[in-house]
N, C-alpha and C. Protein backbone atom coordinates (compact mmCIF):
# COMPACT_ATOMS: atom_id res chain seq x y z
N MET A 1 -15.19 -18.80 -8.60
CA MET A 1 -15.77 -18.64 -9.94
C MET A 1 -16.61 -17.26 -9.90
N THR A 2 -16.42 -16.35 -10.91
CA THR A 2 -17.24 -15.16 -10.97
C THR A 2 -18.54 -15.54 -11.53
N THR A 3 -19.64 -14.93 -10.89
CA THR A 3 -20.92 -15.13 -11.35
C THR A 3 -21.26 -14.07 -12.39
N LEU A 4 -22.36 -14.21 -13.20
CA LEU A 4 -22.70 -13.18 -14.11
C LEU A 4 -22.94 -11.88 -13.60
N HIS A 5 -23.67 -11.99 -12.35
CA HIS A 5 -23.92 -10.73 -11.71
C HIS A 5 -22.76 -10.05 -11.23
N ASP A 6 -21.65 -10.75 -10.75
CA ASP A 6 -20.43 -10.10 -10.47
C ASP A 6 -19.80 -9.38 -11.61
N GLU A 7 -19.89 -10.13 -12.61
CA GLU A 7 -19.27 -9.64 -14.01
C GLU A 7 -19.97 -8.33 -14.47
N LEU A 8 -21.21 -8.41 -14.47
CA LEU A 8 -22.11 -7.21 -15.01
C LEU A 8 -22.09 -5.99 -13.95
N ALA A 9 -22.01 -6.39 -12.68
CA ALA A 9 -21.95 -5.29 -11.78
C ALA A 9 -20.48 -4.50 -11.86
N ASP A 10 -19.50 -5.30 -12.03
CA ASP A 10 -18.23 -4.75 -12.10
C ASP A 10 -18.05 -3.78 -13.34
N GLY A 11 -18.74 -4.19 -14.43
CA GLY A 11 -18.71 -3.50 -15.66
C GLY A 11 -19.63 -2.33 -15.87
N SER A 12 -20.41 -2.08 -14.69
CA SER A 12 -21.50 -1.04 -14.78
C SER A 12 -20.81 0.37 -14.95
N PRO A 13 -21.17 1.06 -16.06
CA PRO A 13 -20.74 2.47 -16.20
C PRO A 13 -21.24 3.34 -15.06
N ALA A 14 -22.22 3.06 -14.43
CA ALA A 14 -22.88 3.93 -13.36
C ALA A 14 -22.08 3.68 -11.92
N ALA A 15 -21.35 2.65 -11.90
CA ALA A 15 -20.62 2.28 -10.64
C ALA A 15 -19.43 3.25 -10.51
N CYS A 16 -19.14 3.66 -9.34
CA CYS A 16 -17.96 4.40 -8.96
C CYS A 16 -16.72 3.64 -9.19
N LYS A 17 -15.81 4.06 -9.99
CA LYS A 17 -14.75 3.31 -10.34
C LYS A 17 -13.71 3.26 -9.25
N LEU A 18 -13.64 4.34 -8.49
CA LEU A 18 -12.70 4.26 -7.35
C LEU A 18 -13.33 3.33 -6.21
N CYS A 19 -14.65 3.44 -6.01
CA CYS A 19 -15.33 2.49 -5.10
C CYS A 19 -15.01 1.08 -5.51
N ASN A 20 -15.09 0.73 -6.75
CA ASN A 20 -14.84 -0.57 -7.28
C ASN A 20 -13.47 -1.10 -6.91
N PHE A 21 -12.50 -0.27 -7.07
CA PHE A 21 -11.06 -0.66 -6.81
C PHE A 21 -10.90 -0.81 -5.34
N LEU A 22 -11.51 0.17 -4.47
CA LEU A 22 -11.32 -0.09 -3.10
C LEU A 22 -12.05 -1.30 -2.57
N GLY A 23 -13.20 -1.63 -3.24
CA GLY A 23 -14.06 -2.89 -2.80
C GLY A 23 -13.22 -4.12 -3.12
N HIS A 24 -12.39 -4.05 -4.03
CA HIS A 24 -11.54 -5.30 -4.41
C HIS A 24 -10.28 -5.32 -3.77
N ASN A 25 -10.00 -4.24 -2.98
CA ASN A 25 -8.68 -4.19 -2.18
C ASN A 25 -9.00 -3.63 -0.86
N PRO A 26 -9.74 -4.44 -0.12
CA PRO A 26 -10.02 -3.96 1.36
C PRO A 26 -8.89 -3.85 2.19
N GLU A 27 -7.68 -4.48 1.92
CA GLU A 27 -6.57 -4.27 2.85
C GLU A 27 -6.03 -2.82 2.74
N VAL A 28 -6.27 -2.09 1.65
CA VAL A 28 -5.78 -0.76 1.56
C VAL A 28 -7.00 0.33 1.51
N ALA A 29 -8.10 -0.18 1.59
CA ALA A 29 -9.21 0.88 1.54
C ALA A 29 -9.27 1.93 2.58
N GLU A 30 -8.92 1.52 3.84
CA GLU A 30 -8.85 2.43 4.98
C GLU A 30 -7.73 3.68 4.63
N GLU A 31 -6.48 3.14 4.15
CA GLU A 31 -5.57 4.03 3.95
C GLU A 31 -5.86 4.98 2.75
N TRP A 32 -6.56 4.52 1.72
CA TRP A 32 -6.99 5.33 0.61
C TRP A 32 -8.02 6.39 1.06
N ALA A 33 -9.15 5.77 1.76
CA ALA A 33 -10.21 6.79 2.26
C ALA A 33 -9.57 7.95 3.09
N ARG A 34 -8.60 7.57 3.99
CA ARG A 34 -7.97 8.53 4.79
C ARG A 34 -7.27 9.57 3.91
N GLU A 35 -6.53 9.17 2.94
CA GLU A 35 -5.87 10.17 2.02
C GLU A 35 -6.79 10.92 1.23
N LEU A 36 -7.86 10.22 0.59
CA LEU A 36 -8.87 10.98 -0.16
C LEU A 36 -9.70 11.85 0.66
N ALA A 37 -9.68 11.83 1.95
CA ALA A 37 -10.45 12.75 2.81
C ALA A 37 -9.79 13.95 3.05
N LEU A 38 -8.48 13.97 2.70
CA LEU A 38 -7.67 15.27 2.83
C LEU A 38 -8.13 16.20 1.82
N PRO A 39 -7.85 17.54 2.04
CA PRO A 39 -8.19 18.54 1.04
C PRO A 39 -7.39 18.33 -0.25
N VAL A 40 -8.13 18.76 -1.33
CA VAL A 40 -7.50 18.50 -2.58
C VAL A 40 -6.27 19.25 -2.83
N THR A 41 -6.05 20.39 -2.01
CA THR A 41 -4.78 21.20 -2.01
C THR A 41 -3.74 20.36 -1.34
N LEU A 42 -3.92 19.35 -0.52
CA LEU A 42 -2.88 18.49 -0.10
C LEU A 42 -2.63 17.21 -0.79
N VAL A 43 -3.78 16.62 -1.28
CA VAL A 43 -3.78 15.43 -2.14
C VAL A 43 -4.63 15.63 -3.22
N GLY A 44 -3.95 16.14 -4.34
CA GLY A 44 -4.63 16.57 -5.53
C GLY A 44 -5.26 15.25 -6.31
N ASN A 45 -6.17 15.48 -7.13
CA ASN A 45 -6.84 14.41 -7.78
C ASN A 45 -5.89 13.81 -8.83
N THR A 46 -4.98 14.59 -9.39
CA THR A 46 -4.02 14.09 -10.36
C THR A 46 -3.04 13.19 -9.66
N SER A 47 -2.58 13.52 -8.41
CA SER A 47 -1.76 12.78 -7.77
C SER A 47 -2.40 11.28 -7.44
N VAL A 48 -3.68 11.31 -7.18
CA VAL A 48 -4.41 10.03 -6.94
C VAL A 48 -4.38 9.33 -8.25
N VAL A 49 -4.75 9.87 -9.38
CA VAL A 49 -4.63 9.11 -10.60
C VAL A 49 -3.29 8.51 -10.85
N LEU A 50 -2.24 9.26 -10.60
CA LEU A 50 -0.86 8.75 -10.82
C LEU A 50 -0.53 7.64 -9.81
N ALA A 51 -1.00 7.63 -8.71
CA ALA A 51 -0.70 6.69 -7.64
C ALA A 51 -1.50 5.40 -8.13
N LEU A 52 -2.74 5.53 -8.57
CA LEU A 52 -3.46 4.31 -9.02
C LEU A 52 -2.85 3.73 -10.25
N LYS A 53 -2.48 4.68 -11.17
CA LYS A 53 -1.75 4.02 -12.37
C LYS A 53 -0.55 3.31 -12.11
N ARG A 54 0.22 3.70 -11.06
CA ARG A 54 1.43 2.87 -10.65
C ARG A 54 0.93 1.57 -10.09
N ARG A 55 -0.25 1.47 -9.62
CA ARG A 55 -0.78 0.24 -9.11
C ARG A 55 -1.63 -0.50 -10.19
N GLY A 56 -1.47 -0.10 -11.48
CA GLY A 56 -2.22 -0.86 -12.50
C GLY A 56 -3.61 -0.37 -12.72
N VAL A 57 -4.14 0.57 -12.11
CA VAL A 57 -5.64 1.00 -12.26
C VAL A 57 -5.62 2.19 -13.06
N ASN A 58 -6.26 2.15 -14.19
CA ASN A 58 -6.39 3.28 -15.10
C ASN A 58 -7.73 3.95 -14.86
N ILE A 59 -7.64 5.24 -14.34
CA ILE A 59 -8.71 5.97 -14.00
C ILE A 59 -8.49 7.42 -14.30
N GLU A 60 -9.54 8.11 -14.72
CA GLU A 60 -9.39 9.56 -15.03
C GLU A 60 -9.65 10.47 -13.83
N GLU A 61 -9.07 11.65 -14.02
CA GLU A 61 -9.10 12.71 -12.87
C GLU A 61 -10.58 12.97 -12.59
N ALA A 62 -11.38 13.00 -13.60
CA ALA A 62 -12.79 13.24 -13.33
C ALA A 62 -13.58 12.22 -12.60
N SER A 63 -13.05 10.92 -12.62
CA SER A 63 -13.69 9.89 -11.80
C SER A 63 -13.18 10.13 -10.25
N VAL A 64 -12.00 10.50 -10.00
CA VAL A 64 -11.57 10.81 -8.69
C VAL A 64 -12.27 11.95 -8.08
N ARG A 65 -12.55 13.21 -9.03
CA ARG A 65 -13.20 14.28 -8.45
C ARG A 65 -14.67 13.86 -8.24
N ARG A 66 -15.31 13.09 -9.03
CA ARG A 66 -16.60 12.67 -8.81
C ARG A 66 -16.70 11.86 -7.56
N HIS A 67 -15.81 10.93 -7.36
CA HIS A 67 -15.87 10.11 -6.07
C HIS A 67 -15.86 10.94 -4.91
N ARG A 68 -14.87 11.85 -4.83
CA ARG A 68 -14.75 12.90 -3.80
C ARG A 68 -16.15 13.63 -3.44
N ARG A 69 -16.63 14.23 -4.64
CA ARG A 69 -17.80 14.81 -4.49
C ARG A 69 -19.05 14.07 -4.06
N ASN A 70 -19.09 12.93 -4.59
CA ASN A 70 -20.41 12.05 -4.29
C ASN A 70 -20.34 11.38 -2.99
N HIS A 71 -19.15 11.19 -2.47
CA HIS A 71 -18.90 10.56 -1.14
C HIS A 71 -18.49 11.48 -0.06
N GLY A 72 -18.78 12.67 -0.25
CA GLY A 72 -18.60 13.68 0.84
C GLY A 72 -17.12 13.76 1.24
N LEU A 73 -16.23 13.60 0.34
CA LEU A 73 -14.75 13.70 0.54
C LEU A 73 -14.13 14.95 0.11
């Protein structure tokens, strides 16, 4: 059962949306981290958005860009 804290933390607008996705999918987190560490010229932010959308995750390009900037990728 989800606690109130879990529910509120997941909905926090300050939380990194991509980190939230990766935290809920640890089996693929390493693969995603490896791909996101590649230069944007090789793995573009829009490509990441489209790949996430195919997996049912709606995220904006700005969120991917912010994730890469804030997490040193």
